[in-house]
Amino acid sequence: MKFTLEGKTCLVTGAGRGIGRAIALTLGEAGADVAITFSRSIGPAEEVKAELEKMGRKA
């Protein structure tokens, strides 16, 4: 049985780096669309967004 989040949308705070980034990308790999937030710098968050979009996910 494969774990899937197809059709689900998840919110990840602090997704620009560290644990938040890892969680956002893992959720994307599981099929979820991911809403991300950041607090300091938009650059890393935009990189995560681009990676999620390459997976075919909405970010």
Protein backbone atom coordinates (compact mmCIF):
# COMPACT_ATOMS: atom_id res chain seq x y z
CA MET A 1 0.00 0.00 0.00
CA LYS A 2 1.41 3.38 -1.03
CA PHE A 3 0.84 6.51 1.04
CA THR A 4 -0.82 9.18 -1.11
CA LEU A 5 -2.11 12.69 -0.56
CA GLU A 6 -3.50 13.14 -4.09
CA GLY A 7 -6.26 15.75 -4.09
CA LYS A 8 -5.20 17.19 -0.73
CA THR A 9 -3.72 20.61 0.03
CA CYS A 10 -1.35 21.09 2.95
CA LEU A 11 -0.05 24.25 4.64
CA VAL A 12 3.59 24.30 5.73
CA THR A 13 4.94 27.22 7.73
CA GLY A 14 8.63 28.00 7.49
CA ALA A 15 8.94 26.03 4.27
CA GLY A 16 11.92 28.00 2.98
CA ARG A 17 14.50 26.01 4.92
CA GLY A 18 15.23 23.21 7.34
CA ILE A 19 12.48 20.93 8.56
CA GLY A 20 9.74 23.01 6.90
CA ARG A 21 11.43 22.63 3.52
CA ALA A 22 11.81 18.88 3.97
CA ILE A 23 8.17 18.51 5.01
CA ALA A 24 6.90 20.59 2.07
CA LEU A 25 8.89 18.54 -0.44
CA THR A 26 7.88 15.23 1.15
CA LEU A 27 4.21 16.22 1.04
CA GLY A 28 4.64 17.17 -2.62
CA GLU A 29 6.23 13.79 -3.36
CA ALA A 30 3.21 12.15 -1.70
CA GLY A 31 0.91 13.99 -4.13
CA ALA A 32 -0.28 16.97 -2.11
CA ASP A 33 -0.48 20.53 -3.33
CA VAL A 34 1.37 22.68 -0.80
CA ALA A 35 0.77 26.21 0.49
CA ILE A 36 4.03 27.53 1.92
CA THR A 37 4.90 30.48 4.16
CA PHE A 38 8.19 32.10 5.10
CA SER A 39 9.30 34.80 7.52
CA ARG A 40 12.69 36.16 6.48
CA SER A 41 13.64 35.72 2.86
CA ILE A 42 11.49 35.02 -0.17
CA GLY A 43 14.36 33.45 -2.17
CA PRO A 44 14.46 30.05 -0.45
CA ALA A 45 10.65 29.86 -0.43
CA GLU A 46 10.59 30.52 -4.18
CA GLU A 47 13.09 27.67 -4.67
CA VAL A 48 10.80 25.29 -2.77
CA LYS A 49 7.85 26.52 -4.84
CA ALA A 50 9.77 25.82 -8.05
CA GLU A 51 10.72 22.31 -6.87
CA LEU A 52 7.09 21.54 -6.01
CA GLU A 53 5.92 22.81 -9.39
CA LYS A 54 8.51 20.57 -11.13
CA MET A 55 6.78 17.65 -9.38
CA GLY A 56 3.49 18.77 -10.93
CA ARG A 57 2.14 20.13 -7.65
CA LYS A 58 0.47 23.49 -7.09
CA ALA A 59 2.42 25.67 -4.69
